[in-house]
Amino acid sequence: MNIDPQIGAIIIAVISGVGGWYANKSRKVSSTESVYAEHTQDLWNRLDKLSNELNSVTKERNELQIQVEQLRKQIEDQSKMIGNLQLEVKSLTNKIGGHK
């Protein structure tokens, strides 16, 4: 079977091109993996730091929620006291007004 030399050259060029492309792709993947491997510890440290910050913010938020609930209760109690005092003032005003 005789192959035209031009077609043979084209086939060899295509095979070489595909092989070069595949080798380049493999080299990029391995270099990317090495970059990730080099920075893995740094990424874990950053993740730990962010996790600790989140825990701190969550704890602070929970403490503030407790304080808000305590202040809300105080406001309710003071509002009841004001209401009772207003009733007493009204009652005293009526008693004083009725004796004139």
PDB file of N, CA and C in Angstrom:
ATOM      1  N   MET A   1       0.852  -1.162   0.000  1.00  0.00           N
ATOM      2  CA  MET A   1       0.000   0.000   0.000  1.00  0.00           C
ATOM      3  C   MET A   1       0.901   1.228   0.000  1.00  0.00           C
ATOM      4  N   ASN A   2       0.808   2.018  -1.009  1.00  0.00           N
ATOM      5  CA  ASN A   2       1.621   3.215  -1.128  1.00  0.00           C
ATOM      6  C   ASN A   2       0.792   4.429  -0.746  1.00  0.00           C
ATOM      7  N   ILE A   3       1.373   5.253   0.124  1.00  0.00           N
ATOM      8  CA  ILE A   3       0.693   6.471   0.575  1.00  0.00           C
ATOM      9  C   ILE A   3       1.415   7.648  -0.054  1.00  0.00           C
ATOM     10  N   ASP A   4       0.636   8.553  -0.519  1.00  0.00           N
ATOM     11  CA  ASP A   4       1.187   9.765  -1.096  1.00  0.00           C
ATOM     12  C   ASP A   4       2.043  10.450  -0.033  1.00  0.00           C
ATOM     13  N   PRO A   5       3.255  10.871  -0.340  1.00  0.00           N
ATOM     14  CA  PRO A   5       4.137  11.510   0.645  1.00  0.00           C
ATOM     15  C   PRO A   5       3.520  12.761   1.274  1.00  0.00           C
ATOM     16  N   GLN A   6       2.711  13.477   0.539  1.00  0.00           N
ATOM     17  CA  GLN A   6       2.074  14.676   1.114  1.00  0.00           C
ATOM     18  C   GLN A   6       1.049  14.285   2.173  1.00  0.00           C
ATOM     19  N   ILE A   7       0.284  13.232   1.883  1.00  0.00           N
ATOM     20  CA  ILE A   7      -0.711  12.768   2.850  1.00  0.00           C
ATOM     21  C   ILE A   7       0.002  12.209   4.079  1.00  0.00           C
ATOM     22  N   GLY A   8       1.094  11.483   3.883  1.00  0.00           N
ATOM     23  CA  GLY A   8       1.888  10.958   4.993  1.00  0.00           C
ATOM     24  C   GLY A   8       2.412  12.079   5.866  1.00  0.00           C
ATOM     25  N   ALA A   9       2.873  13.148   5.217  1.00  0.00           N
ATOM     26  CA  ALA A   9       3.395  14.302   5.971  1.00  0.00           C
ATOM     27  C   ALA A   9       2.272  14.968   6.763  1.00  0.00           C
ATOM     28  N   ILE A  10       1.095  15.046   6.176  1.00  0.00           N
ATOM     29  CA  ILE A  10      -0.054  15.641   6.865  1.00  0.00           C
ATOM     30  C   ILE A  10      -0.441  14.787   8.063  1.00  0.00           C
ATOM     31  N   ILE A  11      -0.461  13.461   7.880  1.00  0.00           N
ATOM     32  CA  ILE A  11      -0.812  12.557   8.982  1.00  0.00           C
ATOM     33  C   ILE A  11       0.205  12.690  10.117  1.00  0.00           C
ATOM     34  N   ILE A  12       1.472  12.738   9.775  1.00  0.00           N
ATOM     35  CA  ILE A  12       2.522  12.882  10.799  1.00  0.00           C
ATOM     36  C   ILE A  12       2.379  14.230  11.511  1.00  0.00           C
ATOM     37  N   ALA A  13       2.073  15.276  10.768  1.00  0.00           N
ATOM     38  CA  ALA A  13       1.902  16.602  11.366  1.00  0.00           C
ATOM     39  C   ALA A  13       0.713  16.614  12.322  1.00  0.00           C
ATOM     40  N   VAL A  14      -0.383  15.970  11.930  1.00  0.00           N
ATOM     41  CA  VAL A  14      -1.568  15.918  12.788  1.00  0.00           C
ATOM     42  C   VAL A  14      -1.256  15.142  14.059  1.00  0.00           C
ATOM     43  N   ILE A  15      -0.603  13.979  13.910  1.00  0.00           N
ATOM     44  CA  ILE A  15      -0.255  13.169  15.084  1.00  0.00           C
ATOM     45  C   ILE A  15       0.693  13.954  16.007  1.00  0.00           C
ATOM     46  N   SER A  16       1.660  14.636  15.430  1.00  0.00           N
ATOM     47  CA  SER A  16       2.592  15.445  16.225  1.00  0.00           C
ATOM     48  C   SER A  16       1.857  16.579  16.932  1.00  0.00           C
ATOM     49  N   GLY A  17       0.941  17.209  16.233  1.00  0.00           N
ATOM     50  CA  GLY A  17       0.169  18.310  16.828  1.00  0.00           C
ATOM     51  C   GLY A  17      -0.685  17.838  17.992  1.00  0.00           C
ATOM     52  N   VAL A  18      -1.374  16.722  17.802  1.00  0.00           N
ATOM     53  CA  VAL A  18      -2.213  16.163  18.868  1.00  0.00           C
ATOM     54  C   VAL A  18      -1.342  15.752  20.043  1.00  0.00           C
ATOM     55  N   GLY A  19      -0.210  15.110  19.765  1.00  0.00           N
ATOM     56  CA  GLY A  19       0.703  14.709  20.843  1.00  0.00           C
ATOM     57  C   GLY A  19       1.234  15.919  21.598  1.00  0.00           C
ATOM     58  N   GLY A  20       1.609  16.962  20.888  1.00  0.00           N
ATOM     59  CA  GLY A  20       2.100  18.188  21.535  1.00  0.00           C
ATOM     60  C   GLY A  20       1.028  18.855  22.375  1.00  0.00           C
ATOM     61  N   TRP A  21      -0.178  18.900  21.830  1.00  0.00           N
ATOM     62  CA  TRP A  21      -1.299  19.491  22.578  1.00  0.00           C
ATOM     63  C   TRP A  21      -1.553  18.719  23.866  1.00  0.00           C
ATOM     64  N   TYR A  22      -1.561  17.379  23.775  1.00  0.00           N
ATOM     65  CA  TYR A  22      -1.811  16.539  24.940  1.00  0.00           C
ATOM     66  C   TYR A  22      -0.696  16.707  25.980  1.00  0.00           C
ATOM     67  N   ALA A  23       0.542  16.759  25.541  1.00  0.00           N
ATOM     68  CA  ALA A  23       1.672  16.940  26.463  1.00  0.00           C
ATOM     69  C   ALA A  23       1.581  18.295  27.160  1.00  0.00           C
ATOM     70  N   ASN A  24       1.216  19.328  26.410  1.00  0.00           N
ATOM     71  CA  ASN A  24       1.081  20.669  26.985  1.00  0.00           C
ATOM     72  C   ASN A  24      -0.036  20.696  28.016  1.00  0.00           C
ATOM     73  N   LYS A  25      -1.156  20.041  27.687  1.00  0.00           N
ATOM     74  CA  LYS A  25      -2.289  19.976  28.611  1.00  0.00           C
ATOM     75  C   LYS A  25      -1.890  19.243  29.888  1.00  0.00           C
ATOM     76  N   SER A  26      -1.203  18.143  29.775  1.00  0.00           N
ATOM     77  CA  SER A  26      -0.755  17.371  30.937  1.00  0.00           C
ATOM     78  C   SER A  26       0.202  18.194  31.782  1.00  0.00           C
ATOM     79  N   ARG A  27       1.086  18.944  31.160  1.00  0.00           N
ATOM     80  CA  ARG A  27       2.056  19.775  31.876  1.00  0.00           C
ATOM     81  C   ARG A  27       1.329  20.879  32.661  1.00  0.00           C
ATOM     82  N   LYS A  28       0.303  21.496  32.059  1.00  0.00           N
ATOM     83  CA  LYS A  28      -0.465  22.538  32.749  1.00  0.00           C
ATOM     84  C   LYS A  28      -1.186  21.977  33.962  1.00  0.00           C
ATOM     85  N   VAL A  29      -1.783  20.805  33.831  1.00  0.00           N
ATOM     86  CA  VAL A  29      -2.501  20.180  34.946  1.00  0.00           C
ATOM     87  C   VAL A  29      -1.549  19.883  36.080  1.00  0.00           C
ATOM     88  N   SER A  30      -0.383  19.309  35.770  1.00  0.00           N
ATOM     89  CA  SER A  30       0.562  18.967  36.835  1.00  0.00           C
ATOM     90  C   SER A  30       1.125  20.224  37.484  1.00  0.00           C
ATOM     91  N   SER A  31       1.335  21.302  36.719  1.00  0.00           N
ATOM     92  CA  SER A  31       1.847  22.534  37.316  1.00  0.00           C
ATOM     93  C   SER A  31       0.770  23.184  38.181  1.00  0.00           C
ATOM     94  N   THR A  32      -0.486  23.103  37.773  1.00  0.00           N
ATOM     95  CA  THR A  32      -1.582  23.628  38.585  1.00  0.00           C
ATOM     96  C   THR A  32      -1.693  22.859  39.886  1.00  0.00           C
ATOM     97  N   GLU A  33      -1.565  21.540  39.807  1.00  0.00           N
ATOM     98  CA  GLU A  33      -1.628  20.723  41.016  1.00  0.00           C
ATOM     99  C   GLU A  33      -0.496  21.061  41.972  1.00  0.00           C
ATOM    100  N   SER A  34       0.682  21.337  41.436  1.00  0.00           N
ATOM    101  CA  SER A  34       1.802  21.678  42.315  1.00  0.00           C
ATOM    102  C   SER A  34       1.581  23.035  42.971  1.00  0.00           C
ATOM    103  N   VAL A  35       0.955  23.966  42.254  1.00  0.00           N
ATOM    104  CA  VAL A  35       0.639  25.267  42.854  1.00  0.00           C
ATOM    105  C   VAL A  35      -0.332  25.079  44.009  1.00  0.00           C
ATOM    106  N   TYR A  36      -1.360  24.266  43.797  1.00  0.00           N
ATOM    107  CA  TYR A  36      -2.311  24.000  44.875  1.00  0.00           C
ATOM    108  C   TYR A  36      -1.615  23.322  46.048  1.00  0.00           C
ATOM    109  N   ALA A  37      -0.749  22.362  45.754  1.00  0.00           N
ATOM    110  CA  ALA A  37      -0.047  21.647  46.814  1.00  0.00           C
ATOM    111  C   ALA A  37       0.837  22.594  47.611  1.00  0.00           C
ATOM    112  N   GLU A  38       1.461  23.549  46.952  1.00  0.00           N
ATOM    113  CA  GLU A  38       2.327  24.504  47.642  1.00  0.00           C
ATOM    114  C   GLU A  38       1.538  25.418  48.571  1.00  0.00           C
ATOM    115  N   HIS A  39       0.310  25.708  48.232  1.00  0.00           N
ATOM    116  CA  HIS A  39      -0.475  26.679  48.993  1.00  0.00           C
ATOM    117  C   HIS A  39      -1.547  26.047  49.878  1.00  0.00           C
ATOM    118  N   THR A  40      -1.596  24.744  49.944  1.00  0.00           N
ATOM    119  CA  THR A  40      -2.650  24.076  50.708  1.00  0.00           C
ATOM    120  C   THR A  40      -2.613  24.468  52.175  1.00  0.00           C
ATOM    121  N   GLN A  41      -1.434  24.444  52.787  1.00  0.00           N
ATOM    122  CA  GLN A  41      -1.330  24.781  54.216  1.00  0.00           C
ATOM    123  C   GLN A  41      -1.776  26.220  54.463  1.00  0.00           C
ATOM    124  N   ASP A  42      -1.380  27.130  53.583  1.00  0.00           N
ATOM    125  CA  ASP A  42      -1.797  28.525  53.721  1.00  0.00           C
ATOM    126  C   ASP A  42      -3.312  28.647  53.615  1.00  0.00           C
ATOM    127  N   LEU A  43      -3.894  27.911  52.677  1.00  0.00           N
ATOM    128  CA  LEU A  43      -5.353  27.958  52.523  1.00  0.00           C
ATOM    129  C   LEU A  43      -6.047  27.401  53.763  1.00  0.00           C
ATOM    130  N   TRP A  44      -5.534  26.325  54.344  1.00  0.00           N
ATOM    131  CA  TRP A  44      -6.124  25.771  55.577  1.00  0.00           C
ATOM    132  C   TRP A  44      -5.990  26.766  56.720  1.00  0.00           C
ATOM    133  N   ASN A  45      -4.835  27.438  56.813  1.00  0.00           N
ATOM    134  CA  ASN A  45      -4.647  28.440  57.875  1.00  0.00           C
ATOM    135  C   ASN A  45      -5.627  29.588  57.725  1.00  0.00           C
ATOM    136  N   ARG A  46      -5.827  30.039  56.498  1.00  0.00           N
ATOM    137  CA  ARG A  46      -6.783  31.119  56.255  1.00  0.00           C
ATOM    138  C   ARG A  46      -8.198  30.672  56.581  1.00  0.00           C
ATOM    139  N   LEU A  47      -8.527  29.441  56.224  1.00  0.00           N
ATOM    140  CA  LEU A  47      -9.854  28.896  56.526  1.00  0.00           C
ATOM    141  C   LEU A  47     -10.063  28.814  58.040  1.00  0.00           C
ATOM    142  N   ASP A  48      -9.049  28.371  58.782  1.00  0.00           N
ATOM    143  CA  ASP A  48      -9.140  28.312  60.249  1.00  0.00           C
ATOM    144  C   ASP A  48      -9.340  29.701  60.837  1.00  0.00           C
ATOM    145  N   LYS A  49      -8.598  30.672  60.320  1.00  0.00           N
ATOM    146  CA  LYS A  49      -8.716  32.045  60.820  1.00  0.00           C
ATOM    147  C   LYS A  49     -10.127  32.585  60.577  1.00  0.00           C
ATOM    148  N   LEU A  50     -10.648  32.372  59.365  1.00  0.00           N
ATOM    149  CA  LEU A  50     -11.996  32.846  59.044  1.00  0.00           C
ATOM    150  C   LEU A  50     -13.049  32.132  59.879  1.00  0.00           C
ATOM    151  N   SER A  51     -12.833  30.863  60.131  1.00  0.00           N
ATOM    152  CA  SER A  51     -13.761  30.089  60.956  1.00  0.00           C
ATOM    153  C   SER A  51     -13.771  30.623  62.381  1.00  0.00           C
ATOM    154  N   ASN A  52     -12.589  30.932  62.913  1.00  0.00           N
ATOM    155  CA  ASN A  52     -12.507  31.495  64.264  1.00  0.00           C
ATOM    156  C   ASN A  52     -13.173  32.866  64.337  1.00  0.00           C
ATOM    157  N   GLU A  53     -12.976  33.680  63.309  1.00  0.00           N
ATOM    158  CA  GLU A  53     -13.621  34.990  63.274  1.00  0.00           C
ATOM    159  C   GLU A  53     -15.137  34.840  63.233  1.00  0.00           C
ATOM    160  N   LEU A  54     -15.622  33.890  62.442  1.00  0.00           N
ATOM    161  CA  LEU A  54     -17.060  33.654  62.364  1.00  0.00           C
ATOM    162  C   LEU A  54     -17.603  33.210  63.716  1.00  0.00           C
ATOM    163  N   ASN A  55     -16.887  32.323  64.393  1.00  0.00           N
ATOM    164  CA  ASN A  55     -17.313  31.874  65.716  1.00  0.00           C
ATOM    165  C   ASN A  55     -17.367  33.042  66.697  1.00  0.00           C
ATOM    166  N   SER A  56     -16.383  33.928  66.621  1.00  0.00           N
ATOM    167  CA  SER A  56     -16.341  35.089  67.500  1.00  0.00           C
ATOM    168  C   SER A  56     -17.525  36.017  67.233  1.00  0.00           C
ATOM    169  N   VAL A  57     -17.808  36.271  65.968  1.00  0.00           N
ATOM    170  CA  VAL A  57     -18.928  37.142  65.597  1.00  0.00           C
ATOM    171  C   VAL A  57     -20.257  36.506  66.014  1.00  0.00           C
ATOM    172  N   THR A  58     -20.373  35.198  65.844  1.00  0.00           N
ATOM    173  CA  THR A  58     -21.593  34.498  66.232  1.00  0.00           C
ATOM    174  C   THR A  58     -21.798  34.591  67.744  1.00  0.00           C
ATOM    175  N   LYS A  59     -20.739  34.412  68.508  1.00  0.00           N
ATOM    176  CA  LYS A  59     -20.826  34.509  69.967  1.00  0.00           C
ATOM    177  C   LYS A  59     -21.245  35.927  70.382  1.00  0.00           C
ATOM    178  N   GLU A  60     -20.634  36.924  69.762  1.00  0.00           N
ATOM    179  CA  GLU A  60     -20.974  38.318  70.069  1.00  0.00           C
ATOM    180  C   GLU A  60     -22.432  38.603  69.723  1.00  0.00           C
ATOM    181  N   ARG A  61     -22.890  38.094  68.585  1.00  0.00           N
ATOM    182  CA  ARG A  61     -24.289  38.280  68.185  1.00  0.00           C
ATOM    183  C   ARG A  61     -25.240  37.669  69.204  1.00  0.00           C
ATOM    184  N   ASN A  62     -24.910  36.468  69.667  1.00  0.00           N
ATOM    185  CA  ASN A  62     -25.757  35.801  70.663  1.00  0.00           C
ATOM    186  C   ASN A  62     -25.807  36.586  71.969  1.00  0.00           C
ATOM    187  N   GLU A  63     -24.663  37.121  72.394  1.00  0.00           N
ATOM    188  CA  GLU A  63     -24.621  37.935  73.613  1.00  0.00           C
ATOM    189  C   GLU A  63     -25.462  39.201  73.449  1.00  0.00           C
ATOM    190  N   LEU A  64     -25.380  39.816  72.275  1.00  0.00           N
ATOM    191  CA  LEU A  64     -26.168  41.020  72.020  1.00  0.00           C
ATOM    192  C   LEU A  64     -27.662  40.708  71.987  1.00  0.00           C
ATOM    193  N   GLN A  65     -28.031  39.545  71.465  1.00  0.00           N
ATOM    194  CA  GLN A  65     -29.441  39.154  71.464  1.00  0.00           C
ATOM    195  C   GLN A  65     -29.958  39.006  72.894  1.00  0.00           C
ATOM    196  N   ILE A  66     -29.144  38.449  73.768  1.00  0.00           N
ATOM    197  CA  ILE A  66     -29.528  38.302  75.177  1.00  0.00           C
ATOM    198  C   ILE A  66     -29.713  39.681  75.812  1.00  0.00           C
ATOM    199  N   GLN A  67     -28.789  40.597  75.537  1.00  0.00           N
ATOM    200  CA  GLN A  67     -28.887  41.950  76.086  1.00  0.00           C
ATOM    201  C   GLN A  67     -30.140  42.654  75.569  1.00  0.00           C
ATOM    202  N   VAL A  68     -30.435  42.491  74.290  1.00  0.00           N
ATOM    203  CA  VAL A  68     -31.627  43.119  73.706  1.00  0.00           C
ATOM    204  C   VAL A  68     -32.883  42.580  74.384  1.00  0.00           C
ATOM    205  N   GLU A  69     -32.929  41.286  74.634  1.00  0.00           N
ATOM    206  CA  GLU A  69     -34.089  40.675  75.293  1.00  0.00           C
ATOM    207  C   GLU A  69     -34.233  41.202  76.724  1.00  0.00           C
ATOM    208  N   GLN A  70     -33.116  41.356  77.422  1.00  0.00           N
ATOM    209  CA  GLN A  70     -33.160  41.896  78.782  1.00  0.00           C
ATOM    210  C   GLN A  70     -33.661  43.347  78.773  1.00  0.00           C
ATOM    211  N   LEU A  71     -33.177  44.140  77.834  1.00  0.00           N
ATOM    212  CA  LEU A  71     -33.613  45.537  77.731  1.00  0.00           C
ATOM    213  C   LEU A  71     -35.082  45.628  77.335  1.00  0.00           C
ATOM    214  N   ARG A  72     -35.537  44.737  76.455  1.00  0.00           N
ATOM    215  CA  ARG A  72     -36.951  44.719  76.080  1.00  0.00           C
ATOM    216  C   ARG A  72     -37.824  44.438  77.293  1.00  0.00           C
ATOM    217  N   LYS A  73     -37.392  43.508  78.127  1.00  0.00           N
ATOM    218  CA  LYS A  73     -38.132  43.164  79.351  1.00  0.00           C
ATOM    219  C   LYS A  73     -38.170  44.370  80.305  1.00  0.00           C
ATOM    220  N   GLN A  74     -37.042  45.058  80.433  1.00  0.00           N
ATOM    221  CA  GLN A  74     -37.000  46.253  81.281  1.00  0.00           C
ATOM    222  C   GLN A  74     -37.955  47.324  80.758  1.00  0.00           C
ATOM    223  N   ILE A  75     -37.994  47.504  79.448  1.00  0.00           N
ATOM    224  CA  ILE A  75     -38.891  48.500  78.855  1.00  0.00           C
ATOM    225  C   ILE A  75     -40.342  48.125  79.140  1.00  0.00           C
ATOM    226  N   GLU A  76     -40.674  46.837  79.009  1.00  0.00           N
ATOM    227  CA  GLU A  76     -42.043  46.395  79.303  1.00  0.00           C
ATOM    228  C   GLU A  76     -42.390  46.678  80.765  1.00  0.00           C
ATOM    229  N   ASP A  77     -41.475  46.342  81.671  1.00  0.00           N
ATOM    230  CA  ASP A  77     -41.713  46.575  83.102  1.00  0.00           C
ATOM    231  C   ASP A  77     -41.892  48.064  83.392  1.00  0.00           C
ATOM    232  N   GLN A  78     -41.042  48.895  82.800  1.00  0.00           N
ATOM    233  CA  GLN A  78     -41.136  50.336  83.027  1.00  0.00           C
ATOM    234  C   GLN A  78     -42.411  50.906  82.409  1.00  0.00           C
ATOM    235  N   SER A  79     -42.820  50.364  81.272  1.00  0.00           N
ATOM    236  CA  SER A  79     -44.069  50.821  80.660  1.00  0.00           C
ATOM    237  C   SER A  79     -45.261  50.493  81.558  1.00  0.00           C
ATOM    238  N   LYS A  80     -45.255  49.312  82.182  1.00  0.00           N
ATOM    239  CA  LYS A  80     -46.316  48.946  83.123  1.00  0.00           C
ATOM    240  C   LYS A  80     -46.309  49.873  84.329  1.00  0.00           C
ATOM    241  N   MET A  81     -45.115  50.174  84.835  1.00  0.00           N
ATOM    242  CA  MET A  81     -45.009  51.074  85.990  1.00  0.00           C
ATOM    243  C   MET A  81     -45.541  52.462  85.636  1.00  0.00           C
ATOM    244  N   ILE A  82     -45.188  52.956  84.444  1.00  0.00           N
ATOM    245  CA  ILE A  82     -45.675  54.268  84.005  1.00  0.00           C
ATOM    246  C   ILE A  82     -47.192  54.252  83.890  1.00  0.00           C
ATOM    247  N   GLY A  83     -47.722  53.168  83.317  1.00  0.00           N
ATOM    248  CA  GLY A  83     -49.181  53.041  83.199  1.00  0.00           C
ATOM    249  C   GLY A  83     -49.851  53.055  84.569  1.00  0.00           C
ATOM    250  N   ASN A  84     -49.287  52.318  85.532  1.00  0.00           N
ATOM    251  CA  ASN A  84     -49.834  52.300  86.890  1.00  0.00           C
ATOM    252  C   ASN A  84     -49.746  53.677  87.543  1.00  0.00           C
ATOM    253  N   LEU A  85     -48.626  54.372  87.362  1.00  0.00           N
ATOM    254  CA  LEU A  85     -48.466  55.706  87.930  1.00  0.00           C
ATOM    255  C   LEU A  85     -49.458  56.690  87.308  1.00  0.00           C
ATOM    256  N   GLN A  86     -49.686  56.566  86.004  1.00  0.00           N
ATOM    257  CA  GLN A  86     -50.654  57.441  85.348  1.00  0.00           C
ATOM    258  C   GLN A  86     -52.066  57.208  85.917  1.00  0.00           C
ATOM    259  N   LEU A  87     -52.402  55.940  86.160  1.00  0.00           N
ATOM    260  CA  LEU A  87     -53.704  55.638  86.760  1.00  0.00           C
ATOM    261  C   LEU A  87     -53.808  56.227  88.158  1.00  0.00           C
ATOM    262  N   GLU A  88     -52.741  56.129  88.956  1.00  0.00           N
ATOM    263  CA  GLU A  88     -52.750  56.678  90.311  1.00  0.00           C
ATOM    264  C   GLU A  88     -52.874  58.199  90.282  1.00  0.00           C
ATOM    265  N   VAL A  89     -52.131  58.851  89.344  1.00  0.00           N
ATOM    266  CA  VAL A  89     -52.219  60.311  89.222  1.00  0.00           C
ATOM    267  C   VAL A  89     -53.631  60.711  88.831  1.00  0.00           C
ATOM    268  N   LYS A  90     -54.224  59.992  87.909  1.00  0.00           N
ATOM    269  CA  LYS A  90     -55.593  60.292  87.477  1.00  0.00           C
ATOM    270  C   LYS A  90     -56.560  60.111  88.638  1.00  0.00           C
ATOM    271  N   SER A  91     -56.366  59.037  89.396  1.00  0.00           N
ATOM    272  CA  SER A  91     -57.225  58.779  90.543  1.00  0.00           C
ATOM    273  C   SER A  91     -57.072  59.880  91.583  1.00  0.00           C
ATOM    274  N   LEU A  92     -55.844  60.264  91.885  1.00  0.00           N
ATOM    275  CA  LEU A  92     -55.608  61.336  92.859  1.00  0.00           C
ATOM    276  C   LEU A  92     -56.167  62.666  92.352  1.00  0.00           C
ATOM    277  N   THR A  93     -56.020  62.919  91.064  1.00  0.00           N
ATOM    278  CA  THR A  93     -56.551  64.163  90.476  1.00  0.00           C
ATOM    279  C   THR A  93     -58.060  64.188  90.613  1.00  0.00           C
ATOM    280  N   ASN A  94     -58.718  63.039  90.387  1.00  0.00           N
ATOM    281  CA  ASN A  94     -60.176  62.977  90.536  1.00  0.00           C
ATOM    282  C   ASN A  94     -60.580  63.197  91.993  1.00  0.00           C
ATOM    283  N   LYS A  95     -59.834  62.623  92.947  1.00  0.00           N
ATOM    284  CA  LYS A  95     -60.150  62.793  94.375  1.00  0.00           C
ATOM    285  C   LYS A  95     -59.971  64.232  94.793  1.00  0.00           C
ATOM    286  N   ILE A  96     -58.873  64.832  94.341  1.00  0.00           N
ATOM    287  CA  ILE A  96     -58.625  66.236  94.700  1.00  0.00           C
ATOM    288  C   ILE A  96     -59.642  67.127  94.013  1.00  0.00           C
ATOM    289  N   GLY A  97     -59.953  66.856  92.791  1.00  0.00           N
ATOM    290  CA  GLY A  97     -60.907  67.651  92.023  1.00  0.00           C
ATOM    291  C   GLY A  97     -62.313  67.501  92.608  1.00  0.00           C
ATOM    292  N   GLY A  98     -62.649  66.361  93.176  1.00  0.00           N
ATOM    293  CA  GLY A  98     -63.963  66.109  93.741  1.00  0.00           C
ATOM    294  C   GLY A  98     -64.142  66.776  95.090  1.00  0.00           C
ATOM    295  N   HIS A  99     -63.092  67.134  95.791  1.00  0.00           N
ATOM    296  CA  HIS A  99     -63.173  67.762  97.116  1.00  0.00           C
ATOM    297  C   HIS A  99     -63.218  69.255  97.045  1.00  0.00           C
ATOM    298  N   LYS A 100     -63.069  69.856  95.921  1.00  0.00           N
ATOM    299  CA  LYS A 100     -63.071  71.318  95.799  1.00  0.00           C
ATOM    300  C   LYS A 100     -64.422  71.864  95.902  1.00  0.00           C
TER     301      LYS A 100
END
